[in-house]
Structures are given as C-alpha cells and as structure tokens.
N, C-alpha and C. Protein backbone atom coordinates (compact mmCIF):
# COMPACT_ATOMS: atom_id res chain seq x y z
N MET A 1 83.28 82.37 157.91
CA MET A 1 82.05 82.42 157.17
C MET A 1 82.03 81.25 156.20
N ILE A 2 80.94 80.54 156.20
CA ILE A 2 80.78 79.39 155.31
C ILE A 2 79.95 79.81 154.11
N LEU A 3 80.43 79.46 152.92
CA LEU A 3 79.68 79.72 151.70
C LEU A 3 78.95 78.46 151.28
N PHE A 4 77.71 78.63 150.88
CA PHE A 4 76.90 77.50 150.46
C PHE A 4 76.61 77.60 148.97
N PRO A 5 76.44 76.45 148.32
CA PRO A 5 76.01 76.49 146.91
C PRO A 5 74.55 76.93 146.84
N ALA A 6 74.14 77.35 145.66
CA ALA A 6 72.74 77.74 145.46
C ALA A 6 71.84 76.54 145.70
N VAL A 7 70.66 76.80 146.22
CA VAL A 7 69.68 75.74 146.41
C VAL A 7 69.37 75.10 145.07
N ALA A 8 69.16 75.94 144.06
CA ALA A 8 68.96 75.48 142.69
C ALA A 8 69.51 76.57 141.77
N PHE A 9 70.16 76.17 140.69
CA PHE A 9 70.67 77.15 139.74
C PHE A 9 69.53 77.47 138.78
N ASP A 10 68.84 78.58 139.06
CA ASP A 10 67.65 78.90 138.29
C ASP A 10 67.65 80.37 137.88
N ALA A 11 66.48 80.95 137.72
CA ALA A 11 66.35 82.30 137.15
C ALA A 11 67.15 83.35 137.91
N ASN A 12 67.16 83.28 139.24
CA ASN A 12 67.87 84.33 139.97
C ASN A 12 69.38 84.27 139.74
N GLU A 13 69.95 83.09 139.66
CA GLU A 13 71.40 82.98 139.39
C GLU A 13 71.71 83.47 137.97
N TRP A 14 70.86 83.08 137.01
CA TRP A 14 71.07 83.55 135.64
C TRP A 14 70.95 85.07 135.56
N PHE A 15 69.99 85.63 136.27
CA PHE A 15 69.83 87.08 136.27
C PHE A 15 71.09 87.76 136.81
N VAL A 16 71.60 87.25 137.92
CA VAL A 16 72.81 87.84 138.52
C VAL A 16 73.97 87.77 137.53
N LEU A 17 74.19 86.62 136.92
CA LEU A 17 75.32 86.47 136.01
C LEU A 17 75.18 87.33 134.76
N ILE A 18 74.00 87.34 134.16
CA ILE A 18 73.80 88.11 132.92
C ILE A 18 73.86 89.60 133.20
N SER A 19 73.21 90.05 134.27
CA SER A 19 73.25 91.49 134.58
C SER A 19 74.67 91.92 134.97
N ALA A 20 75.38 91.08 135.70
CA ALA A 20 76.76 91.40 136.07
C ALA A 20 77.64 91.49 134.83
N LEU A 21 77.47 90.55 133.91
CA LEU A 21 78.24 90.59 132.67
C LEU A 21 77.96 91.88 131.91
N PHE A 22 76.69 92.25 131.83
CA PHE A 22 76.32 93.47 131.12
C PHE A 22 76.96 94.70 131.74
N VAL A 23 76.83 94.87 133.05
CA VAL A 23 77.37 96.09 133.68
C VAL A 23 78.90 96.11 133.65
N ILE A 24 79.52 94.95 133.78
CA ILE A 24 80.99 94.90 133.71
C ILE A 24 81.47 95.29 132.31
N LEU A 25 80.85 94.71 131.29
CA LEU A 25 81.25 95.04 129.91
C LEU A 25 81.00 96.51 129.61
N TYR A 26 79.89 97.04 130.08
CA TYR A 26 79.60 98.45 129.86
C TYR A 26 80.62 99.33 130.58
N ALA A 27 80.94 98.99 131.82
CA ALA A 27 81.94 99.77 132.57
C ALA A 27 83.30 99.72 131.88
N LEU A 28 83.67 98.56 131.35
CA LEU A 28 84.95 98.43 130.66
C LEU A 28 84.95 99.19 129.34
N TRP A 29 83.80 99.30 128.71
CA TRP A 29 83.67 100.01 127.44
C TRP A 29 83.84 101.52 127.62
N LEU A 30 83.46 102.04 128.77
CA LEU A 30 83.57 103.47 129.02
C LEU A 30 85.04 103.90 129.03
N PRO A 31 85.32 105.10 128.50
CA PRO A 31 86.70 105.58 128.57
C PRO A 31 87.11 105.82 130.03
N ASN A 32 88.38 105.60 130.32
CA ASN A 32 88.87 105.82 131.69
C ASN A 32 88.73 107.29 132.07
N ARG A 33 88.19 107.52 133.25
CA ARG A 33 88.08 108.90 133.76
C ARG A 33 88.87 109.08 135.03
N PHE A 34 89.24 107.97 135.66
CA PHE A 34 89.87 108.05 136.97
C PHE A 34 91.19 107.28 136.94
N PRO A 35 92.14 107.71 137.77
CA PRO A 35 93.34 106.89 137.95
C PRO A 35 92.96 105.50 138.49
N LEU A 36 93.79 104.52 138.22
CA LEU A 36 93.50 103.14 138.63
C LEU A 36 93.21 103.04 140.13
N PHE A 37 93.97 103.76 140.94
CA PHE A 37 93.75 103.73 142.38
C PHE A 37 92.34 104.18 142.73
N VAL A 38 91.87 105.25 142.10
CA VAL A 38 90.53 105.78 142.38
C VAL A 38 89.47 104.78 141.94
N THR A 39 89.64 104.20 140.76
CA THR A 39 88.69 103.19 140.29
C THR A 39 88.64 102.02 141.26
N GLY A 40 89.80 101.53 141.67
CA GLY A 40 89.85 100.42 142.63
C GLY A 40 89.19 100.78 143.94
N PHE A 41 89.43 102.00 144.41
CA PHE A 41 88.83 102.44 145.67
C PHE A 41 87.32 102.51 145.55
N ILE A 42 86.82 103.04 144.44
CA ILE A 42 85.37 103.12 144.22
C ILE A 42 84.77 101.72 144.25
N LEU A 43 85.39 100.78 143.54
CA LEU A 43 84.86 99.42 143.48
C LEU A 43 84.89 98.76 144.86
N LEU A 44 86.02 98.87 145.56
CA LEU A 44 86.12 98.27 146.89
C LEU A 44 85.14 98.91 147.88
N PHE A 45 85.00 100.21 147.80
CA PHE A 45 84.06 100.89 148.70
C PHE A 45 82.63 100.39 148.48
N ASN A 46 82.26 100.16 147.23
CA ASN A 46 80.89 99.71 146.95
C ASN A 46 80.68 98.24 147.29
N ILE A 47 81.75 97.44 147.26
CA ILE A 47 81.65 96.08 147.79
C ILE A 47 81.37 96.17 149.29
N PHE A 48 82.16 96.99 149.98
CA PHE A 48 81.98 97.19 151.42
C PHE A 48 80.57 97.70 151.72
N LEU A 49 80.11 98.66 150.95
CA LEU A 49 78.79 99.25 151.19
C LEU A 49 77.68 98.21 151.02
N GLY A 50 77.74 97.43 149.94
CA GLY A 50 76.71 96.41 149.71
C GLY A 50 76.70 95.35 150.79
N VAL A 51 77.87 94.86 151.15
CA VAL A 51 77.96 93.83 152.20
C VAL A 51 77.50 94.41 153.53
N SER A 52 77.95 95.61 153.86
CA SER A 52 77.58 96.22 155.15
C SER A 52 76.08 96.42 155.28
N VAL A 53 75.47 96.97 154.25
CA VAL A 53 74.02 97.21 154.31
C VAL A 53 73.27 95.89 154.40
N ASP A 54 73.61 94.94 153.52
CA ASP A 54 72.88 93.67 153.52
C ASP A 54 73.09 92.89 154.81
N PHE A 55 74.29 92.97 155.38
CA PHE A 55 74.54 92.24 156.62
C PHE A 55 74.03 92.98 157.86
N THR A 56 73.60 94.22 157.67
CA THR A 56 73.00 94.97 158.77
C THR A 56 71.49 94.79 158.79
N ILE A 57 70.85 94.98 157.64
CA ILE A 57 69.39 94.92 157.63
C ILE A 57 68.82 93.64 157.05
N GLY A 58 69.68 92.81 156.46
CA GLY A 58 69.21 91.57 155.87
C GLY A 58 69.37 90.34 156.76
N VAL A 59 69.90 90.53 157.95
CA VAL A 59 70.08 89.41 158.88
C VAL A 59 69.39 89.75 160.20
N LYS A 60 69.31 88.76 161.07
CA LYS A 60 68.68 88.98 162.37
C LYS A 60 69.48 90.00 163.16
N PRO A 61 68.86 90.87 163.90
CA PRO A 61 67.47 90.84 164.34
C PRO A 61 66.49 91.47 163.34
N LEU A 62 66.96 92.28 162.38
CA LEU A 62 66.03 92.92 161.45
C LEU A 62 65.48 91.94 160.42
N ASP A 63 66.37 91.23 159.73
CA ASP A 63 65.99 90.21 158.76
C ASP A 63 64.91 90.70 157.79
N LEU A 64 65.18 91.83 157.14
CA LEU A 64 64.19 92.43 156.25
C LEU A 64 64.09 91.75 154.89
N TYR A 65 65.16 91.06 154.49
CA TYR A 65 65.13 90.36 153.20
C TYR A 65 66.26 89.35 153.15
N ASP A 66 66.14 88.43 152.19
CA ASP A 66 67.19 87.47 151.90
C ASP A 66 67.65 87.70 150.47
N VAL A 67 68.91 87.39 150.21
CA VAL A 67 69.46 87.50 148.88
C VAL A 67 69.55 86.09 148.31
N ASN A 68 69.05 85.92 147.11
CA ASN A 68 69.03 84.65 146.39
C ASN A 68 68.10 83.64 147.04
N ASP A 69 68.45 82.37 147.01
CA ASP A 69 67.51 81.31 147.35
C ASP A 69 67.25 81.10 148.84
N SER A 70 68.15 81.54 149.67
CA SER A 70 67.99 81.20 151.08
C SER A 70 68.63 82.27 151.96
N PRO A 71 68.36 82.22 153.26
CA PRO A 71 69.01 83.18 154.17
C PRO A 71 70.50 82.89 154.38
N ARG A 72 70.96 81.72 153.93
CA ARG A 72 72.38 81.40 154.06
C ARG A 72 73.20 82.18 153.02
N PHE A 73 74.47 82.38 153.32
CA PHE A 73 75.36 83.11 152.42
C PHE A 73 75.83 82.17 151.31
N GLU A 74 75.38 82.44 150.08
CA GLU A 74 75.67 81.56 148.95
C GLU A 74 76.78 82.14 148.07
N TYR A 75 77.32 81.28 147.22
CA TYR A 75 78.35 81.71 146.27
C TYR A 75 77.84 82.87 145.41
N MET A 76 76.58 82.78 144.99
CA MET A 76 76.04 83.82 144.12
C MET A 76 75.89 85.15 144.86
N ASP A 77 75.79 85.12 146.18
CA ASP A 77 75.77 86.37 146.95
C ASP A 77 77.08 87.12 146.72
N LEU A 78 78.18 86.38 146.68
CA LEU A 78 79.48 87.01 146.40
C LEU A 78 79.48 87.68 145.04
N ALA A 79 78.86 87.03 144.06
CA ALA A 79 78.79 87.62 142.72
C ALA A 79 78.06 88.95 142.76
N ILE A 80 76.99 89.02 143.54
CA ILE A 80 76.25 90.28 143.64
C ILE A 80 77.13 91.36 144.25
N TYR A 81 77.79 91.04 145.37
CA TYR A 81 78.59 92.04 146.07
C TYR A 81 79.84 92.44 145.30
N PHE A 82 80.46 91.50 144.60
CA PHE A 82 81.74 91.76 143.97
C PHE A 82 81.65 92.16 142.51
N ILE A 83 80.63 91.66 141.78
CA ILE A 83 80.61 91.96 140.35
C ILE A 83 79.32 92.59 139.85
N SER A 84 78.33 92.77 140.70
CA SER A 84 77.10 93.44 140.26
C SER A 84 77.01 94.86 140.79
N TYR A 85 77.06 95.02 142.10
CA TYR A 85 76.90 96.35 142.70
C TYR A 85 78.01 97.34 142.30
N PRO A 86 79.29 96.98 142.44
CA PRO A 86 80.34 97.98 142.22
C PRO A 86 80.37 98.61 140.83
N PRO A 87 80.21 97.84 139.74
CA PRO A 87 80.26 98.49 138.42
C PRO A 87 79.14 99.50 138.19
N VAL A 88 77.96 99.25 138.77
CA VAL A 88 76.86 100.21 138.60
C VAL A 88 77.23 101.54 139.24
N ALA A 89 77.79 101.51 140.42
CA ALA A 89 78.22 102.75 141.09
C ALA A 89 79.34 103.42 140.29
N TYR A 90 80.27 102.63 139.75
CA TYR A 90 81.35 103.19 138.94
C TYR A 90 80.78 103.90 137.71
N ILE A 91 79.80 103.27 137.05
CA ILE A 91 79.19 103.87 135.86
C ILE A 91 78.52 105.19 136.23
N ALA A 92 77.80 105.20 137.34
CA ALA A 92 77.15 106.44 137.79
C ALA A 92 78.18 107.53 138.04
N LEU A 93 79.27 107.19 138.70
CA LEU A 93 80.32 108.19 138.98
C LEU A 93 81.01 108.64 137.70
N HIS A 94 81.14 107.74 136.74
CA HIS A 94 81.71 108.12 135.45
C HIS A 94 80.88 109.24 134.83
N TYR A 95 79.55 109.04 134.79
CA TYR A 95 78.68 110.06 134.19
C TYR A 95 78.60 111.32 135.05
N TYR A 96 78.65 111.15 136.34
CA TYR A 96 78.69 112.32 137.22
C TYR A 96 79.93 113.16 136.90
N ASP A 97 81.07 112.50 136.82
CA ASP A 97 82.32 113.19 136.57
C ASP A 97 82.35 113.81 135.17
N ARG A 98 81.74 113.14 134.25
CA ARG A 98 81.73 113.62 132.86
C ARG A 98 80.84 114.84 132.68
N HIS A 99 79.65 114.81 133.29
CA HIS A 99 78.67 115.88 133.07
C HIS A 99 78.66 116.95 134.16
N LYS A 100 79.25 116.65 135.30
CA LYS A 100 79.38 117.60 136.41
C LYS A 100 78.08 118.32 136.76
N PRO A 101 77.02 117.57 137.08
CA PRO A 101 75.76 118.24 137.43
C PRO A 101 75.91 119.03 138.73
N ARG A 102 75.22 120.13 138.80
CA ARG A 102 75.22 121.00 139.99
C ARG A 102 73.79 121.40 140.29
N GLY A 103 73.54 121.78 141.52
CA GLY A 103 72.22 122.28 141.91
C GLY A 103 71.12 121.26 141.64
N TRP A 104 70.06 121.74 140.97
CA TRP A 104 68.92 120.86 140.70
C TRP A 104 69.27 119.73 139.74
N THR A 105 70.22 119.97 138.84
CA THR A 105 70.61 118.88 137.94
C THR A 105 71.31 117.76 138.71
N LEU A 106 72.03 118.12 139.77
CA LEU A 106 72.64 117.10 140.62
C LEU A 106 71.56 116.31 141.36
N VAL A 107 70.56 117.01 141.86
CA VAL A 107 69.44 116.33 142.54
C VAL A 107 68.76 115.37 141.56
N LEU A 108 68.49 115.84 140.34
CA LEU A 108 67.85 114.98 139.34
C LEU A 108 68.75 113.82 138.94
N PHE A 109 70.06 114.07 138.88
CA PHE A 109 71.01 113.01 138.57
C PHE A 109 70.94 111.90 139.62
N VAL A 110 71.01 112.27 140.89
CA VAL A 110 70.96 111.28 141.98
C VAL A 110 69.61 110.57 141.98
N LEU A 111 68.52 111.31 141.83
CA LEU A 111 67.19 110.68 141.79
C LEU A 111 67.06 109.74 140.59
N GLY A 112 67.61 110.15 139.45
CA GLY A 112 67.56 109.30 138.26
C GLY A 112 68.31 108.00 138.44
N TRP A 113 69.52 108.07 139.00
CA TRP A 113 70.28 106.85 139.24
C TRP A 113 69.63 105.98 140.31
N ALA A 114 69.03 106.62 141.32
CA ALA A 114 68.32 105.85 142.34
C ALA A 114 67.12 105.14 141.71
N ALA A 115 66.42 105.83 140.81
CA ALA A 115 65.27 105.22 140.13
C ALA A 115 65.72 104.07 139.22
N LEU A 116 66.81 104.29 138.48
CA LEU A 116 67.34 103.24 137.61
C LEU A 116 67.73 102.01 138.41
N THR A 117 68.43 102.22 139.50
CA THR A 117 68.88 101.10 140.33
C THR A 117 67.70 100.41 141.00
N THR A 118 66.70 101.18 141.40
CA THR A 118 65.49 100.57 141.96
C THR A 118 64.79 99.73 140.90
N GLY A 119 64.80 100.20 139.66
CA GLY A 119 64.24 99.42 138.56
C GLY A 119 65.00 98.12 138.34
N LEU A 120 66.33 98.18 138.44
CA LEU A 120 67.13 96.96 138.34
C LEU A 120 66.82 96.00 139.48
N GLU A 121 66.63 96.56 140.68
CA GLU A 121 66.28 95.71 141.82
C GLU A 121 64.90 95.08 141.61
N TRP A 122 63.97 95.84 141.03
CA TRP A 122 62.63 95.30 140.75
C TRP A 122 62.75 94.10 139.80
N MET A 123 63.59 94.24 138.74
CA MET A 123 63.79 93.12 137.81
C MET A 123 64.44 91.95 138.54
N ALA A 124 65.41 92.23 139.40
CA ALA A 124 66.07 91.17 140.17
C ALA A 124 65.07 90.48 141.08
N ASP A 125 64.18 91.25 141.67
CA ASP A 125 63.14 90.67 142.53
C ASP A 125 62.24 89.75 141.72
N LYS A 126 61.85 90.18 140.53
CA LYS A 126 60.99 89.35 139.67
C LYS A 126 61.71 88.06 139.27
N ALA A 127 63.04 88.10 139.18
CA ALA A 127 63.82 86.90 138.85
C ALA A 127 64.09 86.04 140.08
N GLY A 128 63.66 86.50 141.26
CA GLY A 128 63.84 85.72 142.48
C GLY A 128 65.14 85.97 143.21
N THR A 129 65.84 87.05 142.84
CA THR A 129 67.12 87.35 143.47
C THR A 129 66.95 87.83 144.90
N PHE A 130 65.87 88.51 145.18
CA PHE A 130 65.59 88.99 146.54
C PHE A 130 64.31 88.36 147.05
N GLN A 131 64.34 87.99 148.32
CA GLN A 131 63.16 87.46 149.00
C GLN A 131 62.84 88.45 150.12
N TYR A 132 61.89 89.34 149.88
CA TYR A 132 61.56 90.36 150.87
C TYR A 132 60.76 89.74 152.01
N ASN A 133 61.22 89.97 153.22
CA ASN A 133 60.49 89.53 154.41
C ASN A 133 59.59 90.66 154.88
N ARG A 134 60.19 91.76 155.30
CA ARG A 134 59.42 92.94 155.68
C ARG A 134 59.90 94.17 154.91
N TRP A 135 60.73 93.98 153.94
CA TRP A 135 61.29 95.07 153.15
C TRP A 135 60.30 95.47 152.06
N ARG A 136 60.35 96.75 151.68
CA ARG A 136 59.53 97.25 150.57
C ARG A 136 60.46 97.89 149.55
N LEU A 137 60.17 97.67 148.28
CA LEU A 137 61.02 98.18 147.21
C LEU A 137 61.17 99.70 147.28
N GLU A 138 60.13 100.40 147.72
CA GLU A 138 60.21 101.86 147.82
C GLU A 138 61.33 102.29 148.76
N TRP A 139 61.60 101.50 149.77
CA TRP A 139 62.67 101.84 150.70
C TRP A 139 64.03 101.77 150.01
N SER A 140 64.14 100.87 149.04
CA SER A 140 65.40 100.75 148.30
C SER A 140 65.72 102.05 147.58
N PHE A 141 64.70 102.72 147.05
CA PHE A 141 64.90 103.99 146.37
C PHE A 141 65.60 104.98 147.30
N ILE A 142 65.15 105.05 148.53
CA ILE A 142 65.75 105.96 149.52
C ILE A 142 67.19 105.55 149.82
N VAL A 143 67.41 104.25 149.96
CA VAL A 143 68.77 103.75 150.22
C VAL A 143 69.68 104.12 149.05
N TYR A 144 69.20 103.95 147.81
CA TYR A 144 70.03 104.26 146.65
C TYR A 144 70.33 105.75 146.54
N ILE A 145 69.41 106.60 146.96
CA ILE A 145 69.71 108.03 147.00
C ILE A 145 70.92 108.26 147.90
N ALA A 146 70.92 107.64 149.07
CA ALA A 146 72.05 107.77 149.99
C ALA A 146 73.32 107.18 149.39
N VAL A 147 73.21 106.02 148.74
CA VAL A 147 74.38 105.37 148.14
C VAL A 147 75.05 106.29 147.12
N TYR A 148 74.25 106.88 146.23
CA TYR A 148 74.85 107.74 145.19
C TYR A 148 75.36 109.05 145.78
N ALA A 149 74.66 109.60 146.76
CA ALA A 149 75.15 110.83 147.41
C ALA A 149 76.48 110.56 148.11
N ILE A 150 76.58 109.43 148.79
CA ILE A 150 77.83 109.07 149.47
C ILE A 150 78.95 108.85 148.45
N ASN A 151 78.65 108.19 147.34
CA ASN A 151 79.67 107.96 146.32
C ASN A 151 80.17 109.26 145.71
N ILE A 152 79.26 110.19 145.46
CA ILE A 152 79.66 111.49 144.90
C ILE A 152 80.54 112.24 145.90
N ALA A 153 80.14 112.23 147.16
CA ALA A 153 80.95 112.88 148.20
C ALA A 153 82.31 112.21 148.33
N LEU A 154 82.34 110.89 148.23
CA LEU A 154 83.60 110.15 148.30
C LEU A 154 84.53 110.54 147.15
N LEU A 155 83.99 110.61 145.94
CA LEU A 155 84.81 111.00 144.80
C LEU A 155 85.39 112.40 144.99
N ALA A 156 84.57 113.33 145.45
CA ALA A 156 85.04 114.70 145.69
C ALA A 156 86.13 114.71 146.76
N THR A 157 85.96 113.92 147.80
CA THR A 157 86.95 113.85 148.88
C THR A 157 88.27 113.25 148.37
N ILE A 158 88.18 112.19 147.59
CA ILE A 158 89.39 111.57 147.03
C ILE A 158 90.13 112.58 146.16
N ARG A 159 89.39 113.27 145.30
CA ARG A 159 90.03 114.26 144.41
C ARG A 159 90.73 115.34 145.23
N ARG A 160 90.06 115.83 146.28
CA ARG A 160 90.64 116.90 147.10
C ARG A 160 91.88 116.41 147.84
N LEU A 161 91.78 115.24 148.47
CA LEU A 161 92.90 114.74 149.27
C LEU A 161 94.11 114.37 148.42
N LEU A 162 93.86 113.81 147.25
CA LEU A 162 94.96 113.39 146.38
C LEU A 162 95.34 114.46 145.36
N ARG A 163 94.60 115.57 145.41
CA ARG A 163 94.84 116.67 144.46
C ARG A 163 94.77 116.19 143.02
N ILE A 164 93.75 115.41 142.74
CA ILE A 164 93.53 114.91 141.38
C ILE A 164 92.66 115.94 140.66
N PRO A 165 93.13 116.46 139.54
CA PRO A 165 92.34 117.48 138.84
C PRO A 165 91.03 116.90 138.31
N VAL A 166 90.03 117.76 138.23
CA VAL A 166 88.75 117.37 137.66
C VAL A 166 88.84 117.59 136.16
N PRO A 167 88.64 116.52 135.34
CA PRO A 167 88.72 116.70 133.89
C PRO A 167 87.72 117.75 133.42
N GLY A 168 88.18 118.66 132.59
CA GLY A 168 87.30 119.68 132.02
C GLY A 168 87.05 120.87 132.92
N ALA A 169 87.59 120.88 134.13
CA ALA A 169 87.37 122.01 135.04
C ALA A 169 88.11 123.24 134.52
N GLY A 170 87.47 124.37 134.65
CA GLY A 170 88.09 125.61 134.23
C GLY A 170 87.93 125.91 132.75
N LYS A 171 87.28 125.01 132.02
CA LYS A 171 87.05 125.26 130.59
C LYS A 171 85.68 125.89 130.43
N GLY A 172 85.56 126.83 129.59
CA GLY A 172 84.28 127.49 129.44
C GLY A 172 84.05 127.79 128.06
C-alpha cells in the first residue's frame, strides 16, 4: 500500500489533528477502567473496524465516499484510523462501563453516542474531511449504532472470557 501526502494541508487536515488531539487528551484524562490489555484490544479493534468499513464501502465497486482530499490513501487517513476513531469508542465504552445502562437506557445510550458521532462526522464533512459520492450522513447514524453495539458486546465478551470483574457489580 502506498501512502500519499495530502493534496493540500488545509481545513480537513487541521480538523483531523485538532479533533484527534482533543479526543486523545480527553481519553487520557479519564480514570482507567480497564486493564491495559483490554484498552489496547478496544483501540486495535476500532482501528480494524474503521479501516475495514472504509475499505469496503469507500472504494470501488461501491465507492460511496472518499476520506480527505482524494480517493488515494493519504497520511492523514492513517491519523483518522489510528488516532481519531479509536479514542471515541474507548470514551463511549468508559461511560458504558461506568454507568452500566440496561434496557431502554442502553438503547438511549447507544442512540446518543451514535448521534454524537454523527454530529462529529457532520463537522468533519463541513471541514472537508469526507467527500460523499453516493453516501448520506443519515446512513452513518445507522453504522454508528452498529459500531457501538458491537463494541459493547465485545467488552462483555472480553470480560466473560478473561473473567475480568465488572467494577461496581454487586453493589446496591
């Protein structure tokens, strides 16, 4: 895979860097809730998820959108996959684990995070980070619902397989 420089270092690159810095600093500010292995797994899984989705629907034959300035894979695309997407999912899982929503509150939690992430994508689109070909922002909301549901299921599976206790469980 060949990486290309940005066509021009402009608003979309600045948006990626500033938003990535913000979410990374916020994620680092949060108290640790997971063992290092679990945190690393969450981050790596979300890198995989972002790359897989974008390389499935963002390239031919579907070619629904481009990331950044061109359809070519740019250095800044790596920044999105490695330092923008994963911390947002980690932050969501941090709050999920902290508040332990169930039933309708879990549904509202997932919908809320999907709405927040769709809002972030809308801002990224306005900064020129995404070039929609046949994609619609509303579809991203549905994708983010799946992303957060999968992440929550993944965390539960990791906890069960590794027998990692849930903080605060059994307290009433």
